[in-house]
C-alpha atoms as a PDB file:
ATOM      1  CA  UNK A   1      62.985 -51.660   7.000  1.00  0.00           C
ATOM      2  CA  UNK A   2      66.565 -51.436   8.020  1.00  0.00           C
ATOM      3  CA  UNK A   3      68.346 -53.856  10.503  1.00  0.00           C
ATOM      4  CA  UNK A   4      71.872 -53.704  11.900  1.00  0.00           C
ATOM      5  CA  UNK A   5      73.813 -55.342  14.582  1.00  0.00           C
ATOM      6  CA  UNK A   6      74.831 -54.158  18.060  1.00  0.00           C
ATOM      7  CA  UNK A   7      78.455 -54.564  16.994  1.00  0.00           C
ATOM      8  CA  UNK A   8      77.894 -51.819  14.408  1.00  0.00           C
ATOM      9  CA  UNK A   9      77.461 -49.386  17.248  1.00  0.00           C
ATOM     10  CA  UNK A  10      79.689 -50.998  19.901  1.00  0.00           C
ATOM     11  CA  UNK A  11      82.488 -53.167  18.468  1.00  0.00           C
ATOM     12  CA  UNK A  12      84.248 -53.070  21.799  1.00  0.00           C
ATOM     13  CA  UNK A  13      82.228 -53.209  24.914  1.00  0.00           C
ATOM     14  CA  UNK A  14      85.118 -51.861  26.928  1.00  0.00           C
ATOM     15  CA  UNK A  15      85.229 -48.715  24.729  1.00  0.00           C
ATOM     16  CA  UNK A  16      81.686 -47.246  24.653  1.00  0.00           C
ATOM     17  CA  UNK A  17      82.921 -43.896  23.475  1.00  0.00           C
ATOM     18  CA  UNK A  18      82.648 -44.856  19.715  1.00  0.00           C
ATOM     19  CA  UNK A  19      78.891 -45.291  19.849  1.00  0.00           C
ATOM     20  CA  UNK A  20      78.257 -41.668  19.034  1.00  0.00           C
ATOM     21  CA  UNK A  21      80.295 -41.536  15.901  1.00  0.00           C
ATOM     22  CA  UNK A  22      79.008 -44.850  14.755  1.00  0.00           C
ATOM     23  CA  UNK A  23      75.404 -43.622  15.314  1.00  0.00           C
ATOM     24  CA  UNK A  24      76.082 -40.514  13.201  1.00  0.00           C
ATOM     25  CA  UNK A  25      77.330 -42.765  10.426  1.00  0.00           C
ATOM     26  CA  UNK A  26      74.135 -44.820  10.517  1.00  0.00           C
ATOM     27  CA  UNK A  27      72.143 -41.579  10.418  1.00  0.00           C
ATOM     28  CA  UNK A  28      73.904 -40.643   7.209  1.00  0.00           C
ATOM     29  CA  UNK A  29      73.218 -44.106   5.807  1.00  0.00           C
ATOM     30  CA  UNK A  30      69.499 -43.669   6.421  1.00  0.00           C
ATOM     31  CA  UNK A  31      69.449 -40.637   4.172  1.00  0.00           C
ATOM     32  CA  UNK A  32      70.746 -42.702   1.261  1.00  0.00           C
ATOM     33  CA  UNK A  33      67.947 -45.223   1.979  1.00  0.00           C
ATOM     34  CA  UNK A  34      65.198 -42.705   2.473  1.00  0.00           C
ATOM     35  CA  UNK A  35      66.004 -39.472   0.789  1.00  0.00           C
ATOM     36  CA  UNK A  36      62.212 -38.585   0.550  1.00  0.00           C
ATOM     37  CA  UNK A  37      61.808 -38.721   4.296  1.00  0.00           C
ATOM     38  CA  UNK A  38      59.085 -41.354   4.310  1.00  0.00           C
ATOM     39  CA  UNK A  39      58.205 -43.650   7.236  1.00  0.00           C
ATOM     40  CA  UNK A  40      60.613 -46.399   7.882  1.00  0.00           C
ATOM     41  CA  UNK A  41      61.544 -48.780  10.688  1.00  0.00           C
ATOM     42  CA  UNK A  42      65.067 -49.359  12.218  1.00  0.00           C
ATOM     43  CA  UNK A  43      65.822 -52.542  14.034  1.00  0.00           C
ATOM     44  CA  UNK A  44      69.029 -52.814  16.067  1.00  0.00           C
ATOM     45  CA  UNK A  45      70.984 -55.618  17.707  1.00  0.00           C
ATOM     46  CA  UNK A  46      72.171 -55.499  21.274  1.00  0.00           C
ATOM     47  CA  UNK A  47      74.819 -58.285  21.814  1.00  0.00           C
ATOM     48  CA  UNK A  48      77.645 -56.124  23.080  1.00  0.00           C
ATOM     49  CA  UNK A  49      75.408 -53.932  25.080  1.00  0.00           C
ATOM     50  CA  UNK A  50      73.810 -56.858  26.894  1.00  0.00           C
ATOM     51  CA  UNK A  51      77.441 -58.003  27.477  1.00  0.00           C
ATOM     52  CA  UNK A  52      78.068 -54.717  29.256  1.00  0.00           C
ATOM     53  CA  UNK A  53      75.203 -55.290  31.566  1.00  0.00           C
ATOM     54  CA  UNK A  54      76.332 -58.765  32.385  1.00  0.00           C
ATOM     55  CA  UNK A  55      79.796 -57.500  33.182  1.00  0.00           C
ATOM     56  CA  UNK A  56      78.299 -54.964  35.613  1.00  0.00           C
ATOM     57  CA  UNK A  57      76.314 -57.895  37.198  1.00  0.00           C
ATOM     58  CA  UNK A  58      79.487 -59.908  37.475  1.00  0.00           C
ATOM     59  CA  UNK A  59      81.167 -57.041  39.167  1.00  0.00           C
ATOM     60  CA  UNK A  60      78.418 -56.625  41.772  1.00  0.00           C
ATOM     61  CA  UNK A  61      77.292 -60.250  42.184  1.00  0.00           C
ATOM     62  CA  UNK A  62      78.006 -60.250  45.841  1.00  0.00           C
ATOM     63  CA  UNK A  63      75.758 -57.146  46.400  1.00  0.00           C
ATOM     64  CA  UNK A  64      72.969 -57.277  43.901  1.00  0.00           C
ATOM     65  CA  UNK A  65      71.232 -60.384  42.436  1.00  0.00           C
ATOM     66  CA  UNK A  66      71.239 -60.784  38.634  1.00  0.00           C
ATOM     67  CA  UNK A  67      68.251 -59.472  36.776  1.00  0.00           C
ATOM     68  CA  UNK A  68      66.274 -61.470  34.259  1.00  0.00           C
ATOM     69  CA  UNK A  69      67.453 -61.431  30.602  1.00  0.00           C
ATOM     70  CA  UNK A  70      64.126 -60.031  29.280  1.00  0.00           C
ATOM     71  CA  UNK A  71      64.754 -57.056  31.427  1.00  0.00           C
ATOM     72  CA  UNK A  72      68.255 -56.702  30.046  1.00  0.00           C
ATOM     73  CA  UNK A  73      66.795 -56.636  26.520  1.00  0.00           C
ATOM     74  CA  UNK A  74      64.290 -53.970  27.533  1.00  0.00           C
ATOM     75  CA  UNK A  75      67.110 -51.905  29.146  1.00  0.00           C
ATOM     76  CA  UNK A  76      69.185 -51.974  25.904  1.00  0.00           C
ATOM     77  CA  UNK A  77      66.148 -51.019  23.758  1.00  0.00           C
ATOM     78  CA  UNK A  78      65.791 -47.935  25.937  1.00  0.00           C
ATOM     79  CA  UNK A  79      69.479 -46.927  25.959  1.00  0.00           C
ATOM     80  CA  UNK A  80      70.067 -47.663  22.259  1.00  0.00           C
ATOM     81  CA  UNK A  81      66.784 -46.277  21.227  1.00  0.00           C
ATOM     82  CA  UNK A  82      67.570 -43.034  22.959  1.00  0.00           C
ATOM     83  CA  UNK A  83      71.022 -42.824  21.331  1.00  0.00           C
ATOM     84  CA  UNK A  84      69.615 -43.405  17.832  1.00  0.00           C
ATOM     85  CA  UNK A  85      66.578 -41.128  18.174  1.00  0.00           C
ATOM     86  CA  UNK A  86      68.710 -38.232  19.560  1.00  0.00           C
ATOM     87  CA  UNK A  87      71.372 -38.726  16.798  1.00  0.00           C
ATOM     88  CA  UNK A  88      68.904 -39.048  13.959  1.00  0.00           C
ATOM     89  CA  UNK A  89      66.947 -35.987  15.005  1.00  0.00           C
ATOM     90  CA  UNK A  90      70.275 -34.008  15.237  1.00  0.00           C
ATOM     91  CA  UNK A  91      71.669 -35.031  11.897  1.00  0.00           C
ATOM     92  CA  UNK A  92      72.051 -32.202   9.407  1.00  0.00           C
ATOM     93  CA  UNK A  93      69.399 -31.654   6.803  1.00  0.00           C
ATOM     94  CA  UNK A  94      66.934 -34.118   8.460  1.00  0.00           C
ATOM     95  CA  UNK A  95      64.063 -31.576   8.357  1.00  0.00           C
ATOM     96  CA  UNK A  96      61.020 -32.026  10.710  1.00  0.00           C
ATOM     97  CA  UNK A  97      60.568 -35.755  10.339  1.00  0.00           C
ATOM     98  CA  UNK A  98      59.544 -37.425  13.710  1.00  0.00           C
ATOM     99  CA  UNK A  99      61.766 -40.031  15.159  1.00  0.00           C
ATOM    100  CA  UNK A 100      60.449 -42.377  17.936  1.00  0.00           C
ATOM    101  CA  UNK A 101      61.668 -45.487  19.773  1.00  0.00           C
ATOM    102  CA  UNK A 102      58.965 -48.121  20.683  1.00  0.00           C
ATOM    103  CA  UNK A 103      59.477 -50.562  23.449  1.00  0.00           C
ATOM    104  CA  UNK A 104      58.832 -53.843  21.557  1.00  0.00           C
ATOM    105  CA  UNK A 105      57.818 -57.204  22.784  1.00  0.00           C
ATOM    106  CA  UNK A 106      57.930 -60.326  20.513  1.00  0.00           C
ATOM    107  CA  UNK A 107      55.718 -63.261  21.037  1.00  0.00           C
ATOM    108  CA  UNK A 108      57.516 -66.710  21.012  1.00  0.00           C
ATOM    109  CA  UNK A 109      56.253 -70.187  21.407  1.00  0.00           C
ATOM    110  CA  UNK A 110      56.824 -71.720  24.831  1.00  0.00           C
ATOM    111  CA  UNK A 111      57.207 -75.158  23.305  1.00  0.00           C
ATOM    112  CA  UNK A 112      59.915 -73.850  20.740  1.00  0.00           C
ATOM    113  CA  UNK A 113      62.653 -76.437  20.642  1.00  0.00           C
ATOM    114  CA  UNK A 114      65.138 -73.705  21.429  1.00  0.00           C
ATOM    115  CA  UNK A 115      64.166 -73.742  25.039  1.00  0.00           C
ATOM    116  CA  UNK A 116      65.313 -77.380  25.362  1.00  0.00           C
ATOM    117  CA  UNK A 117      68.590 -76.665  23.560  1.00  0.00           C
ATOM    118  CA  UNK A 118      70.039 -73.309  24.533  1.00  0.00           C
ATOM    119  CA  UNK A 119      72.718 -72.345  21.967  1.00  0.00           C
ATOM    120  CA  UNK A 120      73.063 -68.655  22.014  1.00  0.00           C
ATOM    121  CA  UNK A 121      76.106 -67.479  23.838  1.00  0.00           C
ATOM    122  CA  UNK A 122      75.765 -64.147  26.029  1.00  0.00           C
ATOM    123  CA  UNK A 123      77.947 -62.315  28.340  1.00  0.00           C
ATOM    124  CA  UNK A 124      81.584 -62.605  29.315  1.00  0.00           C
ATOM    125  CA  UNK A 125      83.878 -65.624  29.328  1.00  0.00           C
ATOM    126  CA  UNK A 126      84.602 -67.576  32.642  1.00  0.00           C
ATOM    127  CA  UNK A 127      87.012 -70.188  33.773  1.00  0.00           C
ATOM    128  CA  UNK A 128      85.793 -73.670  34.407  1.00  0.00           C
ATOM    129  CA  UNK A 129      85.569 -73.347  38.103  1.00  0.00           C
ATOM    130  CA  UNK A 130      83.495 -70.292  37.855  1.00  0.00           C
ATOM    131  CA  UNK A 131      81.256 -71.688  35.210  1.00  0.00           C
ATOM    132  CA  UNK A 132      80.376 -74.656  37.437  1.00  0.00           C
ATOM    133  CA  UNK A 133      79.619 -72.218  40.316  1.00  0.00           C
ATOM    134  CA  UNK A 134      77.275 -70.158  38.038  1.00  0.00           C
ATOM    135  CA  UNK A 135      75.604 -73.290  36.812  1.00  0.00           C
ATOM    136  CA  UNK A 136      75.021 -74.469  40.403  1.00  0.00           C
ATOM    137  CA  UNK A 137      73.964 -71.049  41.915  1.00  0.00           C
ATOM    138  CA  UNK A 138      71.884 -69.671  38.996  1.00  0.00           C
ATOM    139  CA  UNK A 139      70.954 -72.741  37.040  1.00  0.00           C
ATOM    140  CA  UNK A 140      72.592 -71.314  33.932  1.00  0.00           C
ATOM    141  CA  UNK A 141      73.459 -73.388  30.903  1.00  0.00           C
ATOM    142  CA  UNK A 142      77.157 -72.970  30.153  1.00  0.00           C
ATOM    143  CA  UNK A 143      79.312 -74.170  27.202  1.00  0.00           C
ATOM    144  CA  UNK A 144      83.001 -74.212  26.705  1.00  0.00           C
ATOM    145  CA  UNK A 145      85.025 -72.746  23.807  1.00  0.00           C
ATOM    146  CA  UNK A 146      88.478 -71.755  22.900  1.00  0.00           C
ATOM    147  CA  UNK A 147      88.347 -68.651  25.076  1.00  0.00           C
ATOM    148  CA  UNK A 148      86.608 -70.135  28.102  1.00  0.00           C
ATOM    149  CA  UNK A 149      83.102 -70.829  29.304  1.00  0.00           C
ATOM    150  CA  UNK A 150      80.019 -68.724  28.402  1.00  0.00           C
ATOM    151  CA  UNK A 151      76.334 -68.715  29.385  1.00  0.00           C
ATOM    152  CA  UNK A 152      74.119 -69.970  26.617  1.00  0.00           C
ATOM    153  CA  UNK A 153      70.375 -69.032  26.415  1.00  0.00           C
ATOM    154  CA  UNK A 154      67.598 -70.111  24.083  1.00  0.00           C
ATOM    155  CA  UNK A 155      66.916 -68.243  20.904  1.00  0.00           C
ATOM    156  CA  UNK A 156      63.344 -68.994  19.910  1.00  0.00           C
ATOM    157  CA  UNK A 157      61.821 -67.869  16.514  1.00  0.00           C
ATOM    158  CA  UNK A 158      59.719 -64.723  16.738  1.00  0.00           C
ATOM    159  CA  UNK A 159      56.046 -65.285  15.847  1.00  0.00           C
ATOM    160  CA  UNK A 160      54.331 -61.900  16.331  1.00  0.00           C
ATOM    161  CA  UNK A 161      55.312 -58.351  17.250  1.00  0.00           C
ATOM    162  CA  UNK A 162      52.927 -57.313  20.058  1.00  0.00           C
ATOM    163  CA  UNK A 163      53.272 -53.474  19.230  1.00  0.00           C
ATOM    164  CA  UNK A 164      52.849 -53.987  15.440  1.00  0.00           C
ATOM    165  CA  UNK A 165      49.688 -51.874  15.195  1.00  0.00           C
ATOM    166  CA  UNK A 166      51.472 -48.869  16.923  1.00  0.00           C
ATOM    167  CA  UNK A 167      54.448 -49.218  14.657  1.00  0.00           C
ATOM    168  CA  UNK A 168      52.284 -49.348  11.561  1.00  0.00           C
ATOM    169  CA  UNK A 169      50.386 -46.183  12.483  1.00  0.00           C
ATOM    170  CA  UNK A 170      53.535 -44.366  13.286  1.00  0.00           C
ATOM    171  CA  UNK A 171      55.362 -45.399  10.031  1.00  0.00           C
ATOM    172  CA  UNK A 172      52.156 -44.491   8.098  1.00  0.00           C
ATOM    173  CA  UNK A 173      52.399 -40.951   9.490  1.00  0.00           C
ATOM    174  CA  UNK A 174      55.953 -40.598   8.147  1.00  0.00           C
ATOM    175  CA  UNK A 175      57.803 -41.394  11.344  1.00  0.00           C
ATOM    176  CA  UNK A 176      61.239 -42.969  11.648  1.00  0.00           C
ATOM    177  CA  UNK A 177      60.396 -45.838  14.120  1.00  0.00           C
ATOM    178  CA  UNK A 178      63.119 -47.499  16.172  1.00  0.00           C
ATOM    179  CA  UNK A 179      61.530 -50.932  17.104  1.00  0.00           C
ATOM    180  CA  UNK A 180      62.327 -54.550  17.712  1.00  0.00           C
ATOM    181  CA  UNK A 181      65.659 -53.678  19.433  1.00  0.00           C
ATOM    182  CA  UNK A 182      67.606 -56.807  20.196  1.00  0.00           C
ATOM    183  CA  UNK A 183      65.063 -58.884  18.431  1.00  0.00           C
ATOM    184  CA  UNK A 184      62.392 -57.751  20.801  1.00  0.00           C
ATOM    185  CA  UNK A 185      61.728 -58.614  24.459  1.00  0.00           C
ATOM    186  CA  UNK A 186      60.642 -62.289  24.305  1.00  0.00           C
ATOM    187  CA  UNK A 187      57.400 -63.003  25.777  1.00  0.00           C
ATOM    188  CA  UNK A 188      54.911 -65.993  25.820  1.00  0.00           C
ATOM    189  CA  UNK A 189      51.124 -65.728  26.072  1.00  0.00           C
ATOM    190  CA  UNK A 190      49.486 -67.465  29.081  1.00  0.00           C
ATOM    191  CA  UNK A 191      45.811 -68.467  29.423  1.00  0.00           C
ATOM    192  CA  UNK A 192      43.644 -65.428  29.567  1.00  0.00           C
ATOM    193  CA  UNK A 193      46.100 -63.375  27.417  1.00  0.00           C
ATOM    194  CA  UNK A 194      48.587 -62.467  30.008  1.00  0.00           C
ATOM    195  CA  UNK A 195      52.048 -61.832  28.584  1.00  0.00           C
ATOM    196  CA  UNK A 196      55.087 -63.239  30.512  1.00  0.00           C
ATOM    197  CA  UNK A 197      58.813 -62.426  29.781  1.00  0.00           C
ATOM    198  CA  UNK A 198      61.148 -65.377  29.369  1.00  0.00           C
ATOM    199  CA  UNK A 199      64.863 -65.919  29.646  1.00  0.00           C
ATOM    200  CA  UNK A 200      65.750 -65.961  26.026  1.00  0.00           C
ATOM    201  CA  UNK A 201      66.959 -63.740  23.053  1.00  0.00           C
ATOM    202  CA  UNK A 202      65.420 -63.418  19.730  1.00  0.00           C
ATOM    203  CA  UNK A 203      67.446 -62.838  16.503  1.00  0.00           C
ATOM    204  CA  UNK A 204      66.997 -59.335  15.452  1.00  0.00           C
ATOM    205  CA  UNK A 205      67.320 -60.134  11.599  1.00  0.00           C
ATOM    206  CA  UNK A 206      64.361 -62.641  11.916  1.00  0.00           C
ATOM    207  CA  UNK A 207      62.290 -60.127  13.762  1.00  0.00           C
ATOM    208  CA  UNK A 208      63.135 -57.399  11.177  1.00  0.00           C
ATOM    209  CA  UNK A 209      62.062 -59.866   8.468  1.00  0.00           C
ATOM    210  CA  UNK A 210      58.790 -60.573  10.359  1.00  0.00           C
ATOM    211  CA  UNK A 211      58.002 -56.920  10.697  1.00  0.00           C
ATOM    212  CA  UNK A 212      58.921 -56.082   7.051  1.00  0.00           C
ATOM    213  CA  UNK A 213      56.443 -58.570   5.972  1.00  0.00           C
ATOM    214  CA  UNK A 214      53.750 -57.435   8.280  1.00  0.00           C
ATOM    215  CA  UNK A 215      54.221 -53.778   7.373  1.00  0.00           C
ATOM    216  CA  UNK A 216      54.402 -54.467   3.666  1.00  0.00           C
ATOM    217  CA  UNK A 217      57.862 -52.761   3.563  1.00  0.00           C
ATOM    218  CA  UNK A 218      59.154 -51.864   0.099  1.00  0.00           C
ATOM    219  CA  UNK A 219      62.505 -53.276   0.986  1.00  0.00           C
ATOM    220  CA  UNK A 220      64.551 -55.034   3.718  1.00  0.00           C
ATOM    221  CA  UNK A 221      68.092 -53.798   4.136  1.00  0.00           C
ATOM    222  CA  UNK A 222      70.396 -55.629   6.555  1.00  0.00           C
ATOM    223  CA  UNK A 223      73.552 -53.703   7.411  1.00  0.00           C
ATOM    224  CA  UNK A 224      76.419 -55.898   8.680  1.00  0.00           C
ATOM    225  CA  UNK A 225      80.147 -55.763   9.130  1.00  0.00           C
ATOM    226  CA  UNK A 226      81.085 -57.127   5.715  1.00  0.00           C
ATOM    227  CA  UNK A 227      80.240 -55.660   2.129  1.00  0.00           C
ATOM    228  CA  UNK A 228      78.416 -58.832   0.897  1.00  0.00           C
ATOM    229  CA  UNK A 229      77.689 -62.517   1.493  1.00  0.00           C
ATOM    230  CA  UNK A 230      80.483 -64.755   0.649  1.00  0.00           C
ATOM    231  CA  UNK A 231      80.525 -68.310  -0.623  1.00  0.00           C
ATOM    232  CA  UNK A 232      83.343 -70.229   0.947  1.00  0.00           C
ATOM    233  CA  UNK A 233      83.564 -67.875   3.800  1.00  0.00           C
ATOM    234  CA  UNK A 234      85.855 -70.076   5.861  1.00  0.00           C
ATOM    235  CA  UNK A 235      88.027 -71.044   2.867  1.00  0.00           C
ATOM    236  CA  UNK A 236      91.085 -69.706   1.336  1.00  0.00           C
ATOM    237  CA  UNK A 237      89.311 -67.995  -1.513  1.00  0.00           C
ATOM    238  CA  UNK A 238      85.946 -66.645  -0.437  1.00  0.00           C
ATOM    239  CA  UNK A 239      83.760 -65.487  -3.304  1.00  0.00           C
ATOM    240  CA  UNK A 240      81.372 -62.562  -2.952  1.00  0.00           C
ATOM    241  CA  UNK A 241      77.796 -63.390  -4.079  1.00  0.00           C
ATOM    242  CA  UNK A 242      76.039 -60.236  -5.597  1.00  0.00           C
ATOM    243  CA  UNK A 243      72.819 -61.931  -6.672  1.00  0.00           C
ATOM    244  CA  UNK A 244      71.287 -64.683  -4.476  1.00  0.00           C
ATOM    245  CA  UNK A 245      68.197 -66.512  -5.657  1.00  0.00           C
ATOM    246  CA  UNK A 246      65.975 -68.559  -3.531  1.00  0.00           C
ATOM    247  CA  UNK A 247      67.504 -71.946  -4.450  1.00  0.00           C
ATOM    248  CA  UNK A 248      71.130 -70.735  -4.028  1.00  0.00           C
ATOM    249  CA  UNK A 249      70.216 -69.132  -0.677  1.00  0.00           C
ATOM    250  CA  UNK A 250      68.729 -72.366   0.590  1.00  0.00           C
ATOM    251  CA  UNK A 251      71.808 -74.372  -0.540  1.00  0.00           C
ATOM    252  CA  UNK A 252      74.135 -71.829   1.248  1.00  0.00           C
ATOM    253  CA  UNK A 253      72.031 -72.141   4.534  1.00  0.00           C
ATOM    254  CA  UNK A 254      72.024 -75.912   4.412  1.00  0.00           C
ATOM    255  CA  UNK A 255      75.690 -76.222   3.535  1.00  0.00           C
ATOM    256  CA  UNK A 256      76.664 -74.735   6.919  1.00  0.00           C
ATOM    257  CA  UNK A 257      78.966 -72.407   5.125  1.00  0.00           C
ATOM    258  CA  UNK A 258      77.433 -69.337   6.826  1.00  0.00           C
ATOM    259  CA  UNK A 259      78.273 -68.754  10.454  1.00  0.00           C
ATOM    260  CA  UNK A 260      75.134 -69.452  12.490  1.00  0.00           C
ATOM    261  CA  UNK A 261      75.665 -66.480  14.837  1.00  0.00           C
ATOM    262  CA  UNK A 262      76.213 -63.941  12.283  1.00  0.00           C
ATOM    263  CA  UNK A 263      75.588 -64.297   8.510  1.00  0.00           C
ATOM    264  CA  UNK A 264      73.257 -67.290   8.690  1.00  0.00           C
ATOM    265  CA  UNK A 265      70.385 -65.494  10.251  1.00  0.00           C
ATOM    266  CA  UNK A 266      70.786 -62.504   7.926  1.00  0.00           C
ATOM    267  CA  UNK A 267      70.459 -64.706   4.852  1.00  0.00           C
ATOM    268  CA  UNK A 268      67.562 -66.530   6.462  1.00  0.00           C
ATOM    269  CA  UNK A 269      65.768 -63.365   7.304  1.00  0.00           C
ATOM    270  CA  UNK A 270      66.379 -61.830   3.886  1.00  0.00           C
ATOM    271  CA  UNK A 271      65.232 -64.928   2.195  1.00  0.00           C
ATOM    272  CA  UNK A 272      62.012 -65.211   4.323  1.00  0.00           C
ATOM    273  CA  UNK A 273      61.147 -61.485   3.314  1.00  0.00           C
ATOM    274  CA  UNK A 274      61.903 -62.165  -0.339  1.00  0.00           C
ATOM    275  CA  UNK A 275      59.689 -65.234  -0.402  1.00  0.00           C
ATOM    276  CA  UNK A 276      56.796 -63.943   1.701  1.00  0.00           C
ATOM    277  CA  UNK A 277      56.647 -60.360   0.251  1.00  0.00           C
ATOM    278  CA  UNK A 278      57.862 -61.076  -3.269  1.00  0.00           C
ATOM    279  CA  UNK A 279      60.353 -58.140  -2.934  1.00  0.00           C
ATOM    280  CA  UNK A 280      64.192 -57.835  -2.856  1.00  0.00           C
ATOM    281  CA  UNK A 281      66.311 -57.643   0.265  1.00  0.00           C
ATOM    282  CA  UNK A 282      69.797 -56.234   0.447  1.00  0.00           C
ATOM    283  CA  UNK A 283      72.717 -57.356   2.693  1.00  0.00           C
ATOM    284  CA  UNK A 284      75.704 -55.048   2.847  1.00  0.00           C
ATOM    285  CA  UNK A 285      77.765 -52.611   5.114  1.00  0.00           C
ATOM    286  CA  UNK A 286      77.488 -48.885   5.670  1.00  0.00           C
ATOM    287  CA  UNK A 287      80.675 -48.184   3.634  1.00  0.00           C
ATOM    288  CA  UNK A 288      79.357 -49.937   0.528  1.00  0.00           C
ATOM    289  CA  UNK A 289      75.751 -48.988   0.936  1.00  0.00           C
ATOM    290  CA  UNK A 290      75.716 -46.201  -1.894  1.00  0.00           C
ATOM    291  CA  UNK A 291      77.508 -48.692  -4.354  1.00  0.00           C
ATOM    292  CA  UNK A 292      75.030 -51.471  -3.316  1.00  0.00           C
ATOM    293  CA  UNK A 293      72.077 -49.340  -4.042  1.00  0.00           C
ATOM    294  CA  UNK A 294      73.588 -48.870  -7.484  1.00  0.00           C
ATOM    295  CA  UNK A 295      73.862 -52.749  -7.778  1.00  0.00           C
ATOM    296  CA  UNK A 296      77.641 -52.444  -7.708  1.00  0.00           C
ATOM    297  CA  UNK A 297      78.228 -54.159  -4.255  1.00  0.00           C
ATOM    298  CA  UNK A 298      76.421 -55.985  -1.577  1.00  0.00           C
ATOM    299  CA  UNK A 299      74.286 -59.129  -1.882  1.00  0.00           C
ATOM    300  CA  UNK A 300      70.649 -58.741  -3.335  1.00  0.00           C
ATOM    301  CA  UNK A 301      68.452 -61.622  -2.243  1.00  0.00           C
ATOM    302  CA  UNK A 302      65.843 -62.063  -4.935  1.00  0.00           C
ATOM    303  CA  UNK A 303      62.189 -63.176  -4.670  1.00  0.00           C
END
């Protein structure tokens, strides 16, 4: 099970031309992780890509009404899934292994406290006057920061991957499956079993961890933008942590030393997998992956 952020593909939403080369680099990394060509699952983020959609919505707000956030997540699952599937299929020496993107829904709890306290920022920055207008017209929750105002949405915890049976069967047949994109399209289950999309986003690292446990994955690998987890990340002398045991991981999470929007969920997801599956998880970046697999870089989260 491999998870990586949307920023790894699109660091600058205003320059989408880099996505192709970054997708090829990722395809090369997958060969290091899976040289025998076994079935595996790839979970991607979608933050910058959803941001692009929101910019388009902003540019056409007087002509076209904004679409729901769950539809935006589904759109990015399709576009990023297409890019990754095409690139992995075309990578040199890949052989005949099947690659498939699965539209993935993730069940969340309608009573999750996150719905009462939206904290996940999405989309572009606005001035205060525009933020007030958007709050009035669309009912959006808005929060201010150093660069301006942004929309905030709930980020509930994933409980169940709706398509897990399909994913399991595809992986068992040796397929590279792209699933859980953007953390999955968040849905709640109503009486009678009907699924209903909700205005929220789910953290992709937590979804990857949930799927890794359900699929009995051999290993969870989280690829990020730094080579390892750092203690004292915000300080003057950050220290790379190469082996992270359960107690140490809990201390780091509780200390607030790990950024909530980036490294925090990665450590939480890796720790959850290590505890539930009794297996190791790795956090590193693409450039240091080969060294990390030889235990010379990265952060290994131990069960």
